[in-house]
Amino acid sequence: MADSDLPTAPSSTPAAPSIPSTAQLPTPAATPTATTRKPMKKANRPYTVQQRWKAERAAKAAAGERTSPVGAAVVRGVVWWTFVAFVTSCLVSRMVTESWLWGRDEEAGSYGRKLNREVVRLLLSRPREILLNDQELAMHDGTHEGFPIFIAIDGDVYDVSAAPKTYGPGGGYSFFAGKDAARAYVTGCFKDHLTHDLRGLSEKELASLEGWKQFYKNHKKYFKVGHVLHQAIPEDAPIPAPCK
């Protein structure tokens, strides 16, 4: 018998099973994790903040820490901002009206009368100084409703509306309103020298006039508004007679 006719003995080592490639393996389904969250909607943020705040308060209470009630915090906030607003109002009042309570702390019923016009003029950036003639200046004597009270000294015009009882009708110096009575300021002749004519005055009297101009210029209630242009005094006009 030929060797090729003999049966072949089985192999003692079994054939290894075939291993599928990585590409053939099924992809496992993604499992949700606990850290995966959807983005928070803006509408839910106040609620979330409130819940977090409640949780913090509960944790403090459980730990024995003292927590203030919600109402107390609100009251403290209201009191604080009310105090800030009051102090701010007082400071602004002091700067504008020279009083702490908008004039009510100095004289009853004088609201607005103690207005520091110079400060208001600077704050509101009043327009350029005005230019008047004698007729226009006369309209500011306190007898025309809606017109402020003006006086003039040697061409400079000042607003004295803050003192209507002094320069308005019936006031002690009402004869100064609506005109340039520079001569009368130094001579004291309030009947015959209510004029801007300064001819014949001495150097001492002219220096006194300059003092009056500085008085009104630096006053806290009165302020300069412009100038008045006078008609030229005729050369043959007589010099005002000395005050009797």
Protein backbone atom coordinates (compact mmCIF):
# COMPACT_ATOMS: atom_id res chain seq x y z
CA MET A 1 0.00 0.00 0.00
CA ALA A 2 1.31 3.27 -0.90
CA ASP A 3 1.94 5.95 1.63
CA SER A 4 -0.50 8.28 -0.10
CA ASP A 5 -3.29 5.86 0.66
CA LEU A 6 -2.80 6.06 4.44
CA PRO A 7 -5.20 8.28 6.44
CA THR A 8 -3.76 11.45 7.80
CA ALA A 9 -3.63 11.75 11.61
CA PRO A 10 -5.57 14.65 12.99
CA SER A 11 -3.51 17.59 14.26
CA SER A 12 -3.28 17.86 18.00
CA THR A 13 -3.46 21.70 17.82
CA PRO A 14 -6.85 23.10 16.71
CA ALA A 15 -6.90 25.94 14.22
CA ALA A 16 -7.15 29.40 15.76
CA PRO A 17 -10.46 31.16 15.12
CA SER A 18 -10.36 34.19 12.88
CA ILE A 19 -10.48 37.57 14.67
CA PRO A 20 -12.55 40.25 13.00
CA SER A 21 -10.82 43.54 12.22
CA THR A 22 -11.44 46.72 14.16
CA ALA A 23 -13.42 48.13 11.30
CA GLN A 24 -15.84 45.19 11.59
CA LEU A 25 -16.52 45.69 15.33
CA PRO A 26 -19.86 47.30 16.18
CA THR A 27 -19.64 50.84 17.60
CA PRO A 28 -21.00 50.93 21.15
CA ALA A 29 -23.83 53.37 21.72
CA ALA A 30 -22.86 56.56 23.61
CA THR A 31 -24.10 56.42 27.14
CA PRO A 32 -25.22 59.70 28.75
CA THR A 33 -23.15 60.83 31.67
CA ALA A 34 -24.20 62.72 34.74
CA THR A 35 -22.06 65.74 33.81
CA THR A 36 -23.75 66.33 30.46
CA ARG A 37 -26.14 69.36 30.82
CA LYS A 38 -28.14 71.41 28.45
CA PRO A 39 -27.31 75.13 28.30
CA MET A 40 -29.35 77.15 30.78
CA LYS A 41 -32.00 79.42 29.42
CA LYS A 42 -31.72 83.09 30.36
CA ALA A 43 -35.24 83.05 31.70
CA ASN A 44 -34.25 80.38 34.24
CA ARG A 45 -31.22 82.19 35.64
CA PRO A 46 -33.07 84.28 38.26
CA TYR A 47 -34.78 81.15 39.52
CA THR A 48 -31.47 79.28 39.66
CA VAL A 49 -29.80 82.12 41.54
CA GLN A 50 -32.66 82.21 44.01
CA GLN A 51 -32.43 78.46 44.57
CA ARG A 52 -28.67 78.71 45.10
CA TRP A 53 -29.20 81.55 47.57
CA LYS A 54 -31.79 79.52 49.46
CA ALA A 55 -29.45 76.54 49.57
CA GLU A 56 -26.64 78.71 50.96
CA ARG A 57 -28.94 80.15 53.63
CA ALA A 58 -30.10 76.65 54.56
CA ALA A 59 -26.50 75.47 54.82
CA LYS A 60 -25.61 78.41 57.08
CA ALA A 61 -28.65 77.76 59.24
CA ALA A 62 -27.74 74.07 59.53
CA ALA A 63 -24.20 75.04 60.55
CA GLY A 64 -25.58 77.32 63.25
CA GLU A 65 -24.51 80.55 61.54
CA ARG A 66 -26.70 83.62 61.95
CA THR A 67 -28.56 84.77 58.86
CA SER A 68 -30.42 88.07 58.57
CA PRO A 69 -33.99 88.03 57.28
CA VAL A 70 -34.63 89.14 53.73
CA GLY A 71 -36.71 92.14 54.81
CA ALA A 72 -33.89 93.53 56.96
CA ALA A 73 -31.48 93.56 54.01
CA VAL A 74 -33.99 95.41 51.85
CA VAL A 75 -34.65 97.98 54.58
CA ARG A 76 -30.92 98.58 55.04
CA GLY A 77 -30.52 99.15 51.31
CA VAL A 78 -33.40 101.61 51.19
CA VAL A 79 -32.11 103.53 54.22
CA TRP A 80 -28.59 103.71 52.80
CA TRP A 81 -29.59 105.07 49.38
CA THR A 82 -32.04 107.51 50.97
CA PHE A 83 -29.20 108.83 53.10
CA VAL A 84 -26.92 109.17 50.05
CA ALA A 85 -29.64 111.04 48.13
CA PHE A 86 -30.26 113.41 51.07
CA VAL A 87 -26.57 114.25 51.51
CA THR A 88 -26.17 114.83 47.77
CA SER A 89 -29.19 117.15 47.74
CA CYS A 90 -27.80 119.15 50.66
CA LEU A 91 -24.42 119.59 48.99
CA VAL A 92 -25.96 120.73 45.71
CA SER A 93 -28.27 123.12 47.60
CA ARG A 94 -25.34 124.61 49.48
CA MET A 95 -23.46 125.21 46.24
CA VAL A 96 -26.41 126.74 44.36
CA THR A 97 -28.49 128.54 47.02
CA GLU A 98 -25.99 129.10 49.87
CA SER A 99 -28.27 127.12 52.19
CA TRP A 100 -28.47 123.43 53.08
CA LEU A 101 -32.20 122.96 52.40
CA TRP A 102 -32.82 125.00 49.24
CA GLY A 103 -33.54 128.20 51.16
CA ARG A 104 -36.23 126.75 53.44
CA ASP A 105 -33.88 126.58 56.42
CA GLU A 106 -33.28 130.35 56.49
CA GLU A 107 -36.55 132.09 55.74
CA ALA A 108 -40.06 130.66 55.43
CA GLY A 109 -41.52 131.10 52.00
CA SER A 110 -38.25 132.18 50.45
CA TYR A 111 -37.89 129.14 48.23
CA GLY A 112 -35.76 130.08 45.25
CA ARG A 113 -35.06 133.63 46.43
CA LYS A 114 -31.72 132.71 47.88
CA LEU A 115 -30.55 131.44 44.55
CA ASN A 116 -26.88 132.12 44.03
CA ARG A 117 -27.28 133.59 40.57
CA GLU A 118 -23.58 133.73 39.88
CA VAL A 119 -23.23 129.99 40.45
CA VAL A 120 -26.29 129.26 38.33
CA ARG A 121 -24.90 131.50 35.59
CA LEU A 122 -21.70 129.47 35.54
CA LEU A 123 -23.49 126.13 35.72
CA LEU A 124 -25.93 126.90 32.94
CA SER A 125 -23.32 128.70 30.82
CA ARG A 126 -25.30 131.84 30.22
CA PRO A 127 -24.84 133.42 26.77
CA ARG A 128 -22.48 136.26 26.04
CA GLU A 129 -22.97 139.55 27.87
CA ILE A 130 -25.79 141.69 26.53
CA LEU A 131 -25.50 145.20 25.15
CA LEU A 132 -28.21 147.75 26.01
CA ASN A 133 -28.96 151.38 25.31
CA ASP A 134 -30.49 153.81 27.79
CA GLN A 135 -34.06 153.11 26.64
CA GLU A 136 -33.64 149.36 26.92
CA LEU A 137 -32.02 149.67 30.33
CA ALA A 138 -34.98 151.76 31.55
CA MET A 139 -37.27 148.74 30.94
CA HIS A 140 -35.47 146.93 33.77
CA ASP A 141 -36.55 149.21 36.61
CA GLY A 142 -38.77 146.60 38.28
CA THR A 143 -42.09 147.99 37.05
CA HIS A 144 -42.34 145.84 33.92
CA GLU A 145 -43.48 142.27 34.52
CA GLY A 146 -41.13 139.64 33.16
CA PHE A 147 -38.11 141.96 33.07
CA PRO A 148 -35.30 141.41 35.60
CA ILE A 149 -34.13 144.37 37.65
CA PHE A 150 -30.90 145.92 36.35
CA ILE A 151 -28.68 148.70 37.62
CA ALA A 152 -25.67 150.19 35.85
CA ILE A 153 -22.46 151.76 37.12
CA ASP A 154 -20.19 153.53 34.67
CA GLY A 155 -21.44 151.41 31.78
CA ASP A 156 -21.44 148.02 33.54
CA VAL A 157 -24.89 146.45 33.97
CA TYR A 158 -25.70 144.18 36.92
CA ASP A 159 -28.71 141.99 37.65
CA VAL A 160 -30.05 142.76 41.14
CA SER A 161 -33.31 140.82 40.82
CA ALA A 162 -32.34 138.82 43.92
CA ALA A 163 -33.21 141.90 46.04
CA PRO A 164 -36.59 143.16 44.80
CA LYS A 165 -37.39 144.74 48.17
CA THR A 166 -34.26 146.86 47.87
CA TYR A 167 -34.16 147.80 44.18
CA GLY A 168 -37.75 147.11 43.13
CA PRO A 169 -40.67 149.56 43.34
CA GLY A 170 -40.90 151.04 46.82
CA GLY A 171 -37.42 149.82 47.77
CA GLY A 172 -34.85 151.95 49.49
CA TYR A 173 -32.64 152.06 46.37
CA SER A 174 -35.30 151.81 43.69
CA PHE A 175 -34.01 155.08 42.14
CA PHE A 176 -30.91 153.15 40.97
CA ALA A 177 -32.94 150.60 38.99
CA GLY A 178 -33.10 150.91 35.22
CA LYS A 179 -30.44 153.57 34.89
CA ASP A 180 -26.73 154.30 35.12
CA ALA A 181 -26.49 156.55 38.18
CA ALA A 182 -22.74 156.27 38.61
CA ARG A 183 -22.33 159.87 39.81
CA ALA A 184 -24.82 159.44 42.65
CA TYR A 185 -22.88 156.48 44.06
CA VAL A 186 -19.99 158.74 45.01
CA THR A 187 -21.74 162.05 45.69
CA GLY A 188 -24.76 160.70 47.57
CA CYS A 189 -27.04 163.13 45.73
CA PHE A 190 -29.89 160.79 44.79
CA LYS A 191 -32.09 163.46 43.23
CA ASP A 192 -29.87 165.51 40.95
CA HIS A 193 -26.95 163.14 40.27
CA LEU A 194 -28.74 160.08 38.88
CA THR A 195 -26.55 160.23 35.78
CA HIS A 196 -23.52 158.53 34.27
CA ASP A 197 -21.82 161.91 33.79
CA LEU A 198 -18.57 161.73 35.79
CA ARG A 199 -17.11 165.04 34.70
CA GLY A 200 -15.72 167.19 37.48
CA LEU A 201 -15.21 164.35 39.99
CA SER A 202 -11.97 164.14 41.92
CA GLU A 203 -9.54 161.21 41.82
CA LYS A 204 -10.71 160.17 45.27
CA GLU A 205 -14.32 160.12 44.14
CA LEU A 206 -13.46 158.09 41.04
CA ALA A 207 -11.58 155.59 43.22
CA SER A 208 -14.69 155.30 45.38
CA LEU A 209 -16.73 154.55 42.27
CA GLU A 210 -14.36 151.72 41.40
CA GLY A 211 -15.01 150.28 44.85
CA TRP A 212 -18.75 150.18 44.13
CA LYS A 213 -18.11 148.39 40.86
CA GLN A 214 -16.07 145.75 42.66
CA PHE A 215 -18.82 145.41 45.25
CA TYR A 216 -21.41 144.41 42.67
CA LYS A 217 -18.94 142.37 40.64
CA ASN A 218 -17.99 140.17 43.60
CA HIS A 219 -21.44 139.99 45.19
CA LYS A 220 -22.89 136.55 45.86
CA LYS A 221 -26.42 137.42 44.71
CA TYR A 222 -25.87 140.04 42.00
CA PHE A 223 -23.98 139.42 38.79
CA LYS A 224 -22.87 141.30 35.73
CA VAL A 225 -24.97 140.81 32.59
CA GLY A 226 -23.44 143.24 30.11
CA HIS A 227 -22.92 146.89 29.23
CA VAL A 228 -24.97 149.97 28.43
CA LEU A 229 -24.03 152.34 25.62
CA HIS A 230 -24.77 155.96 26.45
CA GLN A 231 -25.26 158.77 24.05
CA ALA A 232 -22.30 161.09 23.92
CA ILE A 233 -22.49 164.02 26.33
CA PRO A 234 -22.44 167.30 24.39
CA GLU A 235 -19.27 169.29 24.89
CA ASP A 236 -21.24 172.38 25.84
CA ALA A 237 -23.37 170.52 28.39
CA PRO A 238 -22.92 171.97 31.89
CA ILE A 239 -21.25 169.82 34.56
CA PRO A 240 -23.76 168.72 37.20
CA ALA A 241 -23.81 171.14 40.09
CA PRO A 242 -22.41 169.98 43.45
CA CYS A 243 -24.83 168.13 45.65
CA LYS A 244 -26.58 170.41 48.14
